């Protein structure tokens, strides 16, 4: 195990508060860190639990069996959390980010810095579950291949995407799926204030599903024929759905989206509207799903 201080990448200059290289079966928990938290260089079997990183992000570069559980990362300028291959294009495997808050990843120079709360560019078996994203520029979560990276078996479920588009925070999309081919992408039971971009499948899509989500859908032209849609709640004007099991609603019925709280209020159209056979067995709070006659759409399960 090596713990030290070094740049996240050559382009991002925030120094790492915790940099784990080549370690096996080690856990870090309940630490407050100023700077980035990184697993790289063949790191294997590393868990970061309930870490609070101020002015820092999480990073994964050529690592496997890495878990970030609980805690928060953010308050950065021009930087992002990322799961990315290293310079020799050695790939990541079995990465889990669960119960983490990723927030206030900002930039004052969007012309030169492409900023998102988190970027996933490489990995086989990546799970993004039960996290809260807010106040992030451009995207909350962006998934796309760059260079010789590769993506397979990606799961995005039970997340609150709570950044609002506007003059202060510029998240035009909560989820950006920016690549032309997909081998396993499961996007289910997420709650989003802004539009979740649907996959580009011009290079082919295999086993790609969107189910039980709450998200704006500006137009049915965003629906993709190669994607399997089930029991989503599409919010706002524009009309139409991607599948006959989806519903269209005027609003999501979130408790307090201005305070990043996307739990469901009483009377929300998402209650009992989720996919009856395809859902996470717990919600973003760890409560059992379903509680009522059917699972709710979105990340929150309510009575």
Protein backbone atom coordinates (compact mmCIF):
# COMPACT_ATOMS: atom_id res chain seq x y z
CA UNK A 1 0.00 0.00 0.00
CA UNK A 2 1.21 3.49 -0.87
CA UNK A 3 -0.56 6.53 0.52
CA UNK A 4 0.71 9.84 -0.73
CA UNK A 5 0.06 12.99 -2.67
CA UNK A 6 0.09 13.23 -6.45
CA UNK A 7 -2.06 14.78 -9.19
CA UNK A 8 -5.31 13.06 -10.14
CA UNK A 9 -4.30 13.29 -13.81
CA UNK A 10 -2.03 15.52 -15.82
CA UNK A 11 -5.02 17.74 -16.61
CA UNK A 12 -6.44 18.04 -13.11
CA UNK A 13 -4.15 19.59 -10.60
CA UNK A 14 -5.88 19.01 -7.26
CA UNK A 15 -3.48 16.96 -5.10
CA UNK A 16 -4.66 13.64 -3.72
CA UNK A 17 -5.34 13.45 -0.05
CA UNK A 18 -5.40 9.63 -0.22
CA UNK A 19 -3.74 7.75 -3.10
CA UNK A 20 -3.85 3.94 -2.92
CA UNK A 21 -1.59 2.12 -5.39
CA UNK A 22 -1.44 -1.64 -5.88
CA UNK A 23 -3.09 -2.57 -2.59
CA UNK A 24 -5.06 -5.72 -1.82
CA UNK A 25 -7.83 -6.11 0.76
CA UNK A 26 -7.54 -2.81 2.61
CA UNK A 27 -10.28 -0.54 3.97
CA UNK A 28 -10.30 3.16 4.86
CA UNK A 29 -13.24 4.47 6.84
CA UNK A 30 -14.54 7.53 8.69
CA UNK A 31 -11.84 9.92 7.48
CA UNK A 32 -12.08 13.60 6.58
CA UNK A 33 -9.76 14.41 3.70
CA UNK A 34 -8.86 17.60 1.91
CA UNK A 35 -8.12 16.52 -1.65
CA UNK A 36 -8.85 13.57 -3.92
CA UNK A 37 -9.27 9.91 -2.98
CA UNK A 38 -7.75 7.60 -5.60
CA UNK A 39 -7.34 3.87 -6.30
CA UNK A 40 -4.87 3.20 -9.12
CA UNK A 41 -1.92 1.21 -10.45
CA UNK A 42 -3.47 -2.23 -10.06
CA UNK A 43 -5.17 -1.54 -6.73
CA UNK A 44 -7.42 -4.48 -5.86
CA UNK A 45 -9.90 -5.08 -3.06
CA UNK A 46 -9.98 -1.54 -1.63
CA UNK A 47 -12.95 -0.06 0.24
CA UNK A 48 -13.41 3.63 1.04
CA UNK A 49 -16.20 3.89 3.60
CA UNK A 50 -17.81 7.09 4.88
CA UNK A 51 -15.01 9.36 3.69
CA UNK A 52 -15.68 13.08 3.49
CA UNK A 53 -13.50 14.82 0.92
CA UNK A 54 -13.58 18.62 0.79
CA UNK A 55 -12.12 20.19 -2.36
CA UNK A 56 -11.63 16.72 -3.83
CA UNK A 57 -13.05 13.91 -5.95
CA UNK A 58 -12.85 10.15 -6.19
CA UNK A 59 -10.73 8.55 -8.92
CA UNK A 60 -10.24 4.98 -10.22
CA UNK A 61 -7.44 4.20 -12.70
CA UNK A 62 -6.49 0.59 -13.58
CA UNK A 63 -8.05 -0.96 -10.48
CA UNK A 64 -10.45 -3.76 -9.61
CA UNK A 65 -12.87 -4.65 -6.82
CA UNK A 66 -13.02 -1.07 -5.56
CA UNK A 67 -15.91 0.22 -3.42
CA UNK A 68 -16.80 3.76 -2.38
CA UNK A 69 -19.55 3.48 0.26
CA UNK A 70 -21.14 6.47 1.94
CA UNK A 71 -19.49 9.83 2.48
CA UNK A 72 -19.29 12.82 0.16
CA UNK A 73 -16.98 14.32 -2.45
CA UNK A 74 -17.10 17.81 -3.85
CA UNK A 75 -16.54 21.55 -3.54
CA UNK A 76 -14.09 21.53 -6.43
CA UNK A 77 -13.42 23.83 -9.34
CA UNK A 78 -12.56 22.43 -12.82
CA UNK A 79 -12.32 18.83 -11.66
CA UNK A 80 -14.50 15.71 -11.66
CA UNK A 81 -14.73 12.27 -10.14
CA UNK A 82 -13.84 9.64 -12.71
CA UNK A 83 -13.49 5.93 -13.43
CA UNK A 84 -10.94 5.99 -16.21
CA UNK A 85 -8.20 3.78 -17.71
CA UNK A 86 -4.58 4.60 -16.98
CA UNK A 87 -2.06 5.69 -19.61
CA UNK A 88 -1.32 2.13 -20.73
CA UNK A 89 -5.07 1.50 -21.23
CA UNK A 90 -5.30 -1.12 -18.54
CA UNK A 91 -8.93 -1.47 -17.65
CA UNK A 92 -11.04 -1.30 -14.49
CA UNK A 93 -13.30 -4.08 -13.20
CA UNK A 94 -15.96 -4.44 -10.52
CA UNK A 95 -16.24 -0.86 -9.28
CA UNK A 96 -19.09 0.15 -6.94
CA UNK A 97 -20.09 3.65 -5.86
CA UNK A 98 -22.97 3.46 -3.38
CA UNK A 99 -24.58 5.87 -0.93
CA UNK A 100 -22.19 8.69 -1.85
CA UNK A 101 -23.01 12.39 -2.24
CA UNK A 102 -21.24 14.05 -5.19
CA UNK A 103 -21.81 17.77 -5.22
CA UNK A 104 -20.60 21.21 -6.25
CA UNK A 105 -18.24 20.09 -8.99
CA UNK A 106 -18.00 23.42 -10.76
CA UNK A 107 -15.99 25.33 -13.33
CA UNK A 108 -15.58 28.98 -14.15
CA UNK A 109 -14.12 28.05 -17.54
CA UNK A 110 -16.46 25.69 -19.37
CA UNK A 111 -14.78 26.54 -22.67
CA UNK A 112 -11.64 24.64 -21.61
CA UNK A 113 -12.87 22.25 -18.93
CA UNK A 114 -15.60 19.66 -19.44
CA UNK A 115 -16.99 19.17 -15.97
CA UNK A 116 -19.36 16.60 -14.55
CA UNK A 117 -20.03 15.26 -11.09
CA UNK A 118 -18.71 11.90 -12.24
CA UNK A 119 -17.31 10.52 -15.51
CA UNK A 120 -17.29 6.78 -16.23
CA UNK A 121 -15.14 6.03 -19.26
CA UNK A 122 -13.82 2.55 -18.59
CA UNK A 123 -14.86 -0.58 -16.73
CA UNK A 124 -16.50 -3.97 -16.80
CA UNK A 125 -18.97 -4.33 -13.97
CA UNK A 126 -19.54 -0.77 -12.71
CA UNK A 127 -22.44 -0.12 -10.32
CA UNK A 128 -23.59 3.42 -9.42
CA UNK A 129 -26.26 2.86 -6.77
CA UNK A 130 -28.04 4.94 -4.17
CA UNK A 131 -26.07 8.16 -4.66
CA UNK A 132 -27.14 11.81 -4.56
CA UNK A 133 -25.76 14.24 -7.14
CA UNK A 134 -26.38 17.99 -6.93
CA UNK A 135 -24.95 21.38 -7.93
CA UNK A 136 -22.70 19.89 -10.61
CA UNK A 137 -21.90 21.66 -13.87
CA UNK A 138 -22.74 20.18 -17.31
CA UNK A 139 -23.78 16.67 -16.12
CA UNK A 140 -24.33 14.89 -12.84
CA UNK A 141 -23.11 11.60 -14.33
CA UNK A 142 -21.57 11.08 -17.77
CA UNK A 143 -20.81 7.66 -19.26
CA UNK A 144 -18.81 7.42 -22.48
CA UNK A 145 -15.80 5.77 -24.05
CA UNK A 146 -12.68 7.79 -24.84
CA UNK A 147 -9.70 6.47 -26.79
CA UNK A 148 -9.07 2.76 -26.22
CA UNK A 149 -11.26 2.53 -23.13
CA UNK A 150 -14.13 0.05 -22.95
CA UNK A 151 -17.43 -0.21 -21.10
CA UNK A 152 -19.55 -3.26 -20.30
CA UNK A 153 -22.15 -4.25 -17.73
CA UNK A 154 -22.92 -0.81 -16.29
CA UNK A 155 -25.71 -0.43 -13.72
CA UNK A 156 -27.11 2.97 -12.71
CA UNK A 157 -29.92 2.61 -10.18
CA UNK A 158 -31.57 4.24 -7.17
CA UNK A 159 -29.84 7.60 -7.65
CA UNK A 160 -31.08 11.14 -7.04
CA UNK A 161 -29.92 13.37 -9.90
CA UNK A 162 -30.73 16.70 -8.30
CA UNK A 163 -28.71 19.33 -10.19
CA UNK A 164 -30.94 21.95 -11.80
CA UNK A 165 -30.35 23.51 -15.18
CA UNK A 166 -30.06 27.29 -14.90
CA UNK A 167 -27.73 30.26 -14.62
CA UNK A 168 -26.03 29.01 -11.44
CA UNK A 169 -25.67 25.30 -12.18
CA UNK A 170 -25.49 24.25 -15.80
CA UNK A 171 -26.46 20.57 -15.70
CA UNK A 172 -28.44 20.30 -18.93
CA UNK A 173 -28.54 16.52 -18.51
CA UNK A 174 -28.54 14.55 -15.30
CA UNK A 175 -27.26 11.43 -17.08
CA UNK A 176 -25.24 11.58 -20.27
CA UNK A 177 -24.71 8.30 -22.16
CA UNK A 178 -22.27 9.47 -24.77
CA UNK A 179 -21.07 6.53 -26.83
CA UNK A 180 -22.40 4.76 -29.91
CA UNK A 181 -22.43 1.12 -28.77
CA UNK A 182 -23.32 -0.54 -25.49
CA UNK A 183 -22.81 -4.02 -24.05
CA UNK A 184 -24.98 -4.11 -20.96
CA UNK A 185 -26.43 -0.85 -19.59
CA UNK A 186 -29.16 -1.03 -16.94
CA UNK A 187 -30.66 2.33 -15.91
CA UNK A 188 -33.47 1.74 -13.43
CA UNK A 189 -35.31 3.45 -10.61
CA UNK A 190 -33.49 6.77 -10.78
CA UNK A 191 -35.09 10.12 -9.93
CA UNK A 192 -34.02 13.11 -11.98
CA UNK A 193 -34.82 16.80 -12.17
CA UNK A 194 -33.29 17.25 -15.62
CA UNK A 195 -33.38 15.04 -18.70
CA UNK A 196 -31.60 11.68 -18.66
CA UNK A 197 -30.09 11.34 -22.12
CA UNK A 198 -30.90 8.07 -23.84
CA UNK A 199 -28.15 5.93 -25.41
CA UNK A 200 -26.84 6.38 -28.91
CA UNK A 201 -27.02 2.94 -30.50
CA UNK A 202 -25.65 3.65 -33.96
CA UNK A 203 -22.84 1.16 -33.29
CA UNK A 204 -25.16 -1.43 -31.76
CA UNK A 205 -26.78 -1.97 -28.37
CA UNK A 206 -27.00 -5.23 -26.47
CA UNK A 207 -28.97 -5.63 -23.22
CA UNK A 208 -29.74 -1.94 -22.67
CA UNK A 209 -32.70 -1.17 -20.39
CA UNK A 210 -34.39 1.92 -18.96
CA UNK A 211 -37.01 0.93 -16.38
CA UNK A 212 -38.80 2.49 -13.44
CA UNK A 213 -37.15 5.91 -13.81
CA UNK A 214 -38.58 9.40 -13.25
CA UNK A 215 -37.20 11.92 -15.71
CA UNK A 216 -38.25 14.65 -18.10
CA UNK A 217 -38.72 13.47 -21.68
CA UNK A 218 -38.94 16.46 -24.03
CA UNK A 219 -40.04 14.38 -27.02
CA UNK A 220 -40.53 10.76 -28.05
CA UNK A 221 -37.79 11.40 -30.61
CA UNK A 222 -35.39 10.78 -27.71
CA UNK A 223 -36.63 7.17 -27.42
CA UNK A 224 -34.27 4.60 -29.00
CA UNK A 225 -35.63 1.47 -30.69
CA UNK A 226 -32.70 -0.71 -29.52
CA UNK A 227 -33.41 0.14 -25.85
CA UNK A 228 -35.91 -1.82 -23.74
CA UNK A 229 -38.20 0.60 -21.87
CA UNK A 230 -40.51 -0.46 -19.04
CA UNK A 231 -42.67 1.44 -16.56
CA UNK A 232 -40.93 4.81 -16.60
CA UNK A 233 -42.57 8.08 -15.54
CA UNK A 234 -41.84 10.75 -18.14
CA UNK A 235 -42.42 14.26 -16.84
CA UNK A 236 -43.42 17.50 -18.54
CA UNK A 237 -44.86 18.71 -21.80
CA UNK A 238 -44.00 17.11 -25.11
CA UNK A 239 -46.35 14.17 -25.04
CA UNK A 240 -45.77 10.54 -25.72
CA UNK A 241 -43.93 7.69 -24.03
CA UNK A 242 -41.24 5.20 -25.06
CA UNK A 243 -43.30 2.11 -24.25
CA UNK A 244 -46.96 1.46 -23.55
CA UNK A 245 -46.06 0.57 -19.94
CA UNK A 246 -44.60 4.07 -19.39
CA UNK A 247 -46.74 6.96 -18.18
CA UNK A 248 -46.65 10.69 -18.89
CA UNK A 249 -47.13 13.07 -15.93
CA UNK A 250 -47.18 16.84 -15.55
CA UNK A 251 -44.82 16.67 -12.56
CA UNK A 252 -42.86 14.11 -10.56
CA UNK A 253 -44.20 14.84 -7.08
CA UNK A 254 -40.82 15.26 -5.40
CA UNK A 255 -40.80 16.48 -1.79
CA UNK A 256 -38.37 19.41 -2.19
CA UNK A 257 -36.27 19.40 -5.37
CA UNK A 258 -34.88 22.85 -4.57
CA UNK A 259 -33.19 21.29 -1.54
CA UNK A 260 -32.08 18.21 -3.55
CA UNK A 261 -34.74 16.06 -1.87
CA UNK A 262 -36.28 13.81 -4.52
CA UNK A 263 -38.25 11.58 -2.18
CA UNK A 264 -41.86 11.13 -3.29
CA UNK A 265 -44.64 13.20 -1.83
CA UNK A 266 -48.13 11.86 -1.24
CA UNK A 267 -50.03 11.72 -4.52
CA UNK A 268 -46.94 11.45 -6.71
CA UNK A 269 -47.73 9.76 -10.06
CA UNK A 270 -44.67 7.55 -9.46
CA UNK A 271 -46.28 5.68 -6.54
CA UNK A 272 -46.97 2.07 -7.57
CA UNK A 273 -45.87 2.94 -11.13
CA UNK A 274 -42.52 1.11 -11.25
CA UNK A 275 -41.65 -2.04 -13.17
CA UNK A 276 -43.41 -4.96 -11.41
CA UNK A 277 -40.67 -7.52 -12.10
CA UNK A 278 -37.50 -5.47 -12.59
CA UNK A 279 -36.46 -3.31 -9.65
CA UNK A 280 -33.81 -3.06 -6.92
CA UNK A 281 -35.03 -4.80 -3.76
CA UNK A 282 -34.23 -1.75 -1.63
CA UNK A 283 -34.51 1.98 -2.33
CA UNK A 284 -32.00 4.82 -1.93
CA UNK A 285 -32.58 4.77 1.85
CA UNK A 286 -32.20 1.01 2.18
CA UNK A 287 -35.95 0.48 2.68
CA UNK A 288 -37.52 -2.64 1.20
CA UNK A 289 -39.19 -2.32 -2.19
CA UNK A 290 -42.10 -2.66 -2.79
CA UNK A 291 -44.00 -1.34 0.22
CA UNK A 292 -47.40 -1.00 -1.45
CA UNK A 293 -49.20 -2.97 -4.09
CA UNK A 294 -46.40 -2.42 -6.61
CA UNK A 295 -42.92 -0.86 -6.61
CA UNK A 296 -42.72 2.90 -7.03
CA UNK A 297 -40.87 4.46 -9.93
CA UNK A 298 -37.75 6.41 -9.07
CA UNK A 299 -35.17 5.95 -6.35
CA UNK A 300 -37.53 6.36 -3.39
CA UNK A 301 -40.03 3.74 -2.24
CA UNK A 302 -42.83 5.20 -0.13
CA UNK A 303 -45.88 3.82 1.58
